[in-house]
Every structure is written in C-alpha cells, then in structure tokens.
C-alpha atoms as a PDB file:
ATOM      1  CA  UNK A   1      39.967  77.973  79.031  1.00  0.00           C
ATOM      2  CA  UNK A   2      38.576  77.853  81.901  1.00  0.00           C
ATOM      3  CA  UNK A   3      36.434  74.430  82.467  1.00  0.00           C
ATOM      4  CA  UNK A   4      32.555  74.873  83.117  1.00  0.00           C
ATOM      5  CA  UNK A   5      31.551  73.453  86.613  1.00  0.00           C
ATOM      6  CA  UNK A   6      28.582  71.800  88.221  1.00  0.00           C
ATOM      7  CA  UNK A   7      26.891  72.952  90.918  1.00  0.00           C
ATOM      8  CA  UNK A   8      25.381  69.341  91.752  1.00  0.00           C
ATOM      9  CA  UNK A   9      28.440  67.258  91.296  1.00  0.00           C
ATOM     10  CA  UNK A  10      29.860  69.749  93.791  1.00  0.00           C
ATOM     11  CA  UNK A  11      27.083  69.818  95.968  1.00  0.00           C
ATOM     12  CA  UNK A  12      27.287  65.761  96.254  1.00  0.00           C
ATOM     13  CA  UNK A  13      30.914  65.748  97.165  1.00  0.00           C
ATOM     14  CA  UNK A  14      30.508  68.272  99.501  1.00  0.00           C
ATOM     15  CA  UNK A  15      27.603  66.143 101.426  1.00  0.00           C
ATOM     16  CA  UNK A  16      29.240  62.845 100.761  1.00  0.00           C
ATOM     17  CA  UNK A  17      33.006  64.536 102.652  1.00  0.00           C
ATOM     18  CA  UNK A  18      30.285  66.631 105.338  1.00  0.00           C
ATOM     19  CA  UNK A  19      28.763  62.106 106.067  1.00  0.00           C
ATOM     20  CA  UNK A  20      32.841  60.900 105.726  1.00  0.00           C
ATOM     21  CA  UNK A  21      34.146  63.555 108.801  1.00  0.00           C
ATOM     22  CA  UNK A  22      30.749  63.361 110.363  1.00  0.00           C
ATOM     23  CA  UNK A  23      30.713  59.660 110.742  1.00  0.00           C
ATOM     24  CA  UNK A  24      34.617  59.401 111.507  1.00  0.00           C
ATOM     25  CA  UNK A  25      34.414  62.136 113.918  1.00  0.00           C
ATOM     26  CA  UNK A  26      31.070  60.550 115.458  1.00  0.00           C
ATOM     27  CA  UNK A  27      32.765  57.362 115.959  1.00  0.00           C
ATOM     28  CA  UNK A  28      35.362  58.944 117.830  1.00  0.00           C
ATOM     29  CA  UNK A  29      35.804  58.426 121.877  1.00  0.00           C
ATOM     30  CA  UNK A  30      37.236  60.755 123.839  1.00  0.00           C
ATOM     31  CA  UNK A  31      40.121  59.443 126.253  1.00  0.00           C
ATOM     32  CA  UNK A  32      38.363  60.120 130.354  1.00  0.00           C
ATOM     33  CA  UNK A  33      40.741  62.421 131.906  1.00  0.00           C
ATOM     34  CA  UNK A  34      42.255  59.667 134.723  1.00  0.00           C
ATOM     35  CA  UNK A  35      43.649  57.913 131.388  1.00  0.00           C
ATOM     36  CA  UNK A  36      45.396  61.153 129.692  1.00  0.00           C
ATOM     37  CA  UNK A  37      47.170  61.822 133.281  1.00  0.00           C
ATOM     38  CA  UNK A  38      48.630  58.339 133.812  1.00  0.00           C
ATOM     39  CA  UNK A  39      50.120  58.539 130.890  1.00  0.00           C
ATOM     40  CA  UNK A  40      50.804  61.603 131.107  1.00  0.00           C
ATOM     41  CA  UNK A  41      52.653  60.422 134.167  1.00  0.00           C
ATOM     42  CA  UNK A  42      54.185  57.783 132.106  1.00  0.00           C
ATOM     43  CA  UNK A  43      55.411  60.206 129.830  1.00  0.00           C
ATOM     44  CA  UNK A  44      57.164  62.971 132.949  1.00  0.00           C
ATOM     45  CA  UNK A  45      59.137  59.529 133.661  1.00  0.00           C
ATOM     46  CA  UNK A  46      60.438  58.763 130.622  1.00  0.00           C
ATOM     47  CA  UNK A  47      61.508  62.324 129.920  1.00  0.00           C
ATOM     48  CA  UNK A  48      62.683  63.206 133.571  1.00  0.00           C
ATOM     49  CA  UNK A  49      65.519  60.348 132.909  1.00  0.00           C
ATOM     50  CA  UNK A  50      66.084  62.025 130.072  1.00  0.00           C
ATOM     51  CA  UNK A  51      66.838  65.042 132.033  1.00  0.00           C
ATOM     52  CA  UNK A  52      69.021  62.816 134.749  1.00  0.00           C
ATOM     53  CA  UNK A  53      71.013  61.650 131.438  1.00  0.00           C
ATOM     54  CA  UNK A  54      71.034  66.074 129.966  1.00  0.00           C
ATOM     55  CA  UNK A  55      72.022  66.855 133.299  1.00  0.00           C
ATOM     56  CA  UNK A  56      74.941  64.827 133.276  1.00  0.00           C
ATOM     57  CA  UNK A  57      76.222  65.868 130.195  1.00  0.00           C
ATOM     58  CA  UNK A  58      75.892  69.642 130.321  1.00  0.00           C
ATOM     59  CA  UNK A  59      76.654  69.960 134.402  1.00  0.00           C
ATOM     60  CA  UNK A  60      77.675  73.689 133.930  1.00  0.00           C
ATOM     61  CA  UNK A  61      74.953  74.752 137.036  1.00  0.00           C
ATOM     62  CA  UNK A  62      75.906  78.745 135.658  1.00  0.00           C
ATOM     63  CA  UNK A  63      72.764  80.556 134.224  1.00  0.00           C
ATOM     64  CA  UNK A  64      74.303  79.509 130.904  1.00  0.00           C
ATOM     65  CA  UNK A  65      74.344  75.887 132.123  1.00  0.00           C
ATOM     66  CA  UNK A  66      70.961  76.110 132.957  1.00  0.00           C
ATOM     67  CA  UNK A  67      69.298  78.035 130.162  1.00  0.00           C
ATOM     68  CA  UNK A  68      71.349  75.532 127.882  1.00  0.00           C
ATOM     69  CA  UNK A  69      70.530  72.685 129.375  1.00  0.00           C
ATOM     70  CA  UNK A  70      66.637  74.236 129.633  1.00  0.00           C
ATOM     71  CA  UNK A  71      66.503  74.739 125.708  1.00  0.00           C
ATOM     72  CA  UNK A  72      68.202  71.014 124.833  1.00  0.00           C
ATOM     73  CA  UNK A  73      65.173  70.372 127.265  1.00  0.00           C
ATOM     74  CA  UNK A  74      62.110  71.738 125.351  1.00  0.00           C
ATOM     75  CA  UNK A  75      63.867  70.535 122.811  1.00  0.00           C
ATOM     76  CA  UNK A  76      63.668  67.133 123.490  1.00  0.00           C
ATOM     77  CA  UNK A  77      60.519  67.116 124.453  1.00  0.00           C
ATOM     78  CA  UNK A  78      59.378  69.056 121.404  1.00  0.00           C
ATOM     79  CA  UNK A  79      60.685  66.285 119.825  1.00  0.00           C
ATOM     80  CA  UNK A  80      59.810  63.198 121.702  1.00  0.00           C
ATOM     81  CA  UNK A  81      56.018  64.474 121.829  1.00  0.00           C
ATOM     82  CA  UNK A  82      56.236  65.880 118.433  1.00  0.00           C
ATOM     83  CA  UNK A  83      56.781  62.785 116.645  1.00  0.00           C
ATOM     84  CA  UNK A  84      54.479  60.296 118.296  1.00  0.00           C
ATOM     85  CA  UNK A  85      52.030  62.397 118.015  1.00  0.00           C
ATOM     86  CA  UNK A  86      52.854  62.495 113.945  1.00  0.00           C
ATOM     87  CA  UNK A  87      53.990  58.782 113.717  1.00  0.00           C
ATOM     88  CA  UNK A  88      53.102  56.635 116.281  1.00  0.00           C
ATOM     89  CA  UNK A  89      49.561  59.238 116.387  1.00  0.00           C
ATOM     90  CA  UNK A  90      49.535  58.764 120.214  1.00  0.00           C
ATOM     91  CA  UNK A  91      52.576  59.039 122.550  1.00  0.00           C
ATOM     92  CA  UNK A  92      54.568  56.112 124.494  1.00  0.00           C
ATOM     93  CA  UNK A  93      52.810  56.681 127.908  1.00  0.00           C
ATOM     94  CA  UNK A  94      49.462  57.229 125.948  1.00  0.00           C
ATOM     95  CA  UNK A  95      50.366  53.990 123.612  1.00  0.00           C
ATOM     96  CA  UNK A  96      50.324  52.300 126.906  1.00  0.00           C
ATOM     97  CA  UNK A  97      46.728  53.099 127.571  1.00  0.00           C
ATOM     98  CA  UNK A  98      45.555  52.772 124.251  1.00  0.00           C
ATOM     99  CA  UNK A  99      45.332  56.708 123.978  1.00  0.00           C
ATOM    100  CA  UNK A 100      46.299  58.432 120.690  1.00  0.00           C
ATOM    101  CA  UNK A 101      45.794  61.882 120.099  1.00  0.00           C
ATOM    102  CA  UNK A 102      43.652  62.075 116.521  1.00  0.00           C
ATOM    103  CA  UNK A 103      42.840  65.185 114.354  1.00  0.00           C
ATOM    104  CA  UNK A 104      39.459  66.400 115.857  1.00  0.00           C
ATOM    105  CA  UNK A 105      37.195  66.762 112.746  1.00  0.00           C
ATOM    106  CA  UNK A 106      38.261  63.337 110.862  1.00  0.00           C
ATOM    107  CA  UNK A 107      40.659  61.471 113.727  1.00  0.00           C
ATOM    108  CA  UNK A 108      43.727  61.767 111.188  1.00  0.00           C
ATOM    109  CA  UNK A 109      46.824  61.257 112.232  1.00  0.00           C
ATOM    110  CA  UNK A 110      48.298  64.667 113.569  1.00  0.00           C
ATOM    111  CA  UNK A 111      50.786  66.750 111.426  1.00  0.00           C
ATOM    112  CA  UNK A 112      53.443  68.296 111.984  1.00  0.00           C
ATOM    113  CA  UNK A 113      51.610  71.864 112.679  1.00  0.00           C
ATOM    114  CA  UNK A 114      48.757  70.552 114.938  1.00  0.00           C
ATOM    115  CA  UNK A 115      51.422  69.022 116.755  1.00  0.00           C
ATOM    116  CA  UNK A 116      53.622  71.851 117.020  1.00  0.00           C
ATOM    117  CA  UNK A 117      50.629  73.722 117.892  1.00  0.00           C
ATOM    118  CA  UNK A 118      49.456  70.716 120.653  1.00  0.00           C
ATOM    119  CA  UNK A 119      53.106  71.148 121.827  1.00  0.00           C
ATOM    120  CA  UNK A 120      53.349  74.752 122.792  1.00  0.00           C
ATOM    121  CA  UNK A 121      50.316  75.430 124.429  1.00  0.00           C
ATOM    122  CA  UNK A 122      50.569  72.246 126.572  1.00  0.00           C
ATOM    123  CA  UNK A 123      54.119  72.892 127.425  1.00  0.00           C
ATOM    124  CA  UNK A 124      55.411  76.270 126.380  1.00  0.00           C
ATOM    125  CA  UNK A 125      54.150  78.196 129.689  1.00  0.00           C
ATOM    126  CA  UNK A 126      56.190  75.167 131.745  1.00  0.00           C
ATOM    127  CA  UNK A 127      59.087  75.894 129.197  1.00  0.00           C
ATOM    128  CA  UNK A 128      59.010  79.877 129.945  1.00  0.00           C
ATOM    129  CA  UNK A 129      59.032  78.786 133.167  1.00  0.00           C
ATOM    130  CA  UNK A 130      62.068  77.519 133.228  1.00  0.00           C
ATOM    131  CA  UNK A 131      63.819  79.807 131.407  1.00  0.00           C
ATOM    132  CA  UNK A 132      62.158  82.370 133.585  1.00  0.00           C
ATOM    133  CA  UNK A 133      63.428  81.043 136.379  1.00  0.00           C
ATOM    134  CA  UNK A 134      66.922  79.794 135.427  1.00  0.00           C
ATOM    135  CA  UNK A 135      67.279  83.590 134.920  1.00  0.00           C
ATOM    136  CA  UNK A 136      65.668  85.308 137.414  1.00  0.00           C
ATOM    137  CA  UNK A 137      64.866  82.672 140.336  1.00  0.00           C
ATOM    138  CA  UNK A 138      63.690  83.857 143.914  1.00  0.00           C
ATOM    139  CA  UNK A 139      61.102  85.386 144.237  1.00  0.00           C
ATOM    140  CA  UNK A 140      59.955  86.147 141.259  1.00  0.00           C
ATOM    141  CA  UNK A 141      60.726  82.697 139.755  1.00  0.00           C
ATOM    142  CA  UNK A 142      57.997  81.776 141.761  1.00  0.00           C
ATOM    143  CA  UNK A 143      55.196  83.961 141.434  1.00  0.00           C
ATOM    144  CA  UNK A 144      54.949  82.537 137.675  1.00  0.00           C
ATOM    145  CA  UNK A 145      55.782  79.380 138.700  1.00  0.00           C
ATOM    146  CA  UNK A 146      52.748  79.692 140.591  1.00  0.00           C
ATOM    147  CA  UNK A 147      50.855  81.442 137.514  1.00  0.00           C
ATOM    148  CA  UNK A 148      52.162  78.436 135.622  1.00  0.00           C
ATOM    149  CA  UNK A 149      50.617  75.914 137.683  1.00  0.00           C
ATOM    150  CA  UNK A 150      47.043  77.901 137.741  1.00  0.00           C
ATOM    151  CA  UNK A 151      47.519  77.379 133.635  1.00  0.00           C
ATOM    152  CA  UNK A 152      48.075  73.892 134.070  1.00  0.00           C
ATOM    153  CA  UNK A 153      44.983  73.559 135.947  1.00  0.00           C
ATOM    154  CA  UNK A 154      43.088  75.421 133.729  1.00  0.00           C
ATOM    155  CA  UNK A 155      43.804  72.909 131.278  1.00  0.00           C
ATOM    156  CA  UNK A 156      43.117  70.204 133.281  1.00  0.00           C
ATOM    157  CA  UNK A 157      39.943  72.148 133.926  1.00  0.00           C
ATOM    158  CA  UNK A 158      38.989  72.402 130.505  1.00  0.00           C
ATOM    159  CA  UNK A 159      39.290  68.647 129.339  1.00  0.00           C
ATOM    160  CA  UNK A 160      37.449  67.412 132.143  1.00  0.00           C
ATOM    161  CA  UNK A 161      33.884  70.063 131.268  1.00  0.00           C
ATOM    162  CA  UNK A 162      34.251  69.462 128.253  1.00  0.00           C
ATOM    163  CA  UNK A 163      31.592  66.915 126.855  1.00  0.00           C
ATOM    164  CA  UNK A 164      34.464  65.858 123.966  1.00  0.00           C
ATOM    165  CA  UNK A 165      37.511  66.639 126.538  1.00  0.00           C
ATOM    166  CA  UNK A 166      39.081  68.661 125.172  1.00  0.00           C
ATOM    167  CA  UNK A 167      40.691  70.926 126.565  1.00  0.00           C
ATOM    168  CA  UNK A 168      41.865  74.730 125.866  1.00  0.00           C
ATOM    169  CA  UNK A 169      44.995  73.745 124.339  1.00  0.00           C
ATOM    170  CA  UNK A 170      43.581  70.734 122.059  1.00  0.00           C
ATOM    171  CA  UNK A 171      40.702  73.227 120.968  1.00  0.00           C
ATOM    172  CA  UNK A 172      43.336  75.313 119.965  1.00  0.00           C
ATOM    173  CA  UNK A 173      45.277  72.789 117.579  1.00  0.00           C
ATOM    174  CA  UNK A 174      42.454  70.925 116.794  1.00  0.00           C
ATOM    175  CA  UNK A 175      43.037  67.790 118.589  1.00  0.00           C
ATOM    176  CA  UNK A 176      41.322  65.547 120.219  1.00  0.00           C
ATOM    177  CA  UNK A 177      43.189  61.995 122.998  1.00  0.00           C
ATOM    178  CA  UNK A 178      40.731  59.255 121.841  1.00  0.00           C
ATOM    179  CA  UNK A 179      40.399  55.452 123.119  1.00  0.00           C
ATOM    180  CA  UNK A 180      41.731  53.119 120.185  1.00  0.00           C
ATOM    181  CA  UNK A 181      39.143  50.840 119.243  1.00  0.00           C
ATOM    182  CA  UNK A 182      39.404  47.838 116.932  1.00  0.00           C
ATOM    183  CA  UNK A 183      39.066  48.673 113.843  1.00  0.00           C
END
C-alpha cells in the first residue's frame, strides 16, 4: 500500500533544503585566478619530479616507451588530483595556499564522479596531446599542441571572467575553487 503524501510537508522540506543550499553557496568565496595559477604551478612541480622518477624507471625511448610513460603519467596525475580533491578537498598546491575545490551547489566534498569530470576537462586535452605527440610528433604534433594551448587559454579566460571564478571545466563538473575560511 502506498503511503499518503502531504504536499505541505514536502514543500516545507524543499524550502529548508533550498535555504540550506543557498546559505552554503553564498558563503563560498571564490579563489582568485592568481592563487589558482600558483597552486597549479606547485602541483606541476610535484608532478614534474614524479615524472623524472618515472622516466628513470621506464627508460625506453621508443614509441611504445613514450606511450607507456604517457599513460602511466596520466594515471598518476588522475590519482594525484582525484584523491586529493575527494579526500582533502584540495590538491597539495591548493592546500598550501588555503584553497579548496568543492561542489559548486552546496560546498560539499567532491564525489569521484565530479573529480573525474573535472580532471578530464582540465587535463584530458593535455593527455591526448602527450599521447598524440609520442605517436606522431612533427608539424602535426605541434599543431595539436597549439590547439591544446588555445584550450588552456580559454579555460583561464572563462575562469577570469566568470563572477564566481568558475572556468569551463568547473562548470562542466559542477565544481568551485574557493578560499578556505575558518568555520
């Protein structure tokens, strides 16, 4: 037998949820573009050292070796960002600067689905470029690199011009990079 529904009770519950989400989202202070870029540079330095170690382990200079390194480094980058966004709410570079990557609606910790989407929109083109360059290289590889560079300029532009500082990748994943505040 179906339980009776009470429209007034459902409306009240929806109202409470709306107020809670509205209060949480209005309290989120978007991070500045400069802080986000510096955090990214810190993360890039950490991953660069990981790449040096990986290059020492997988020293094969053939196309297969380059492709293997590219795929392993992509998986390492995914785990680095995916884990830190879902477990710590921030990558190590973001943590140093007091930033957090959160759900844009309610400020909650990212789900793995959101972290995967954000990583794919943020780093996917770079991974494709690395794999493509390892396989093709030359002028065509250079052209793909320029297209990817244009994409990253677009991401920076969208984040800089949006009032909540959400770049295209943030909007696709439903995320927001914020300044951590004392609760």
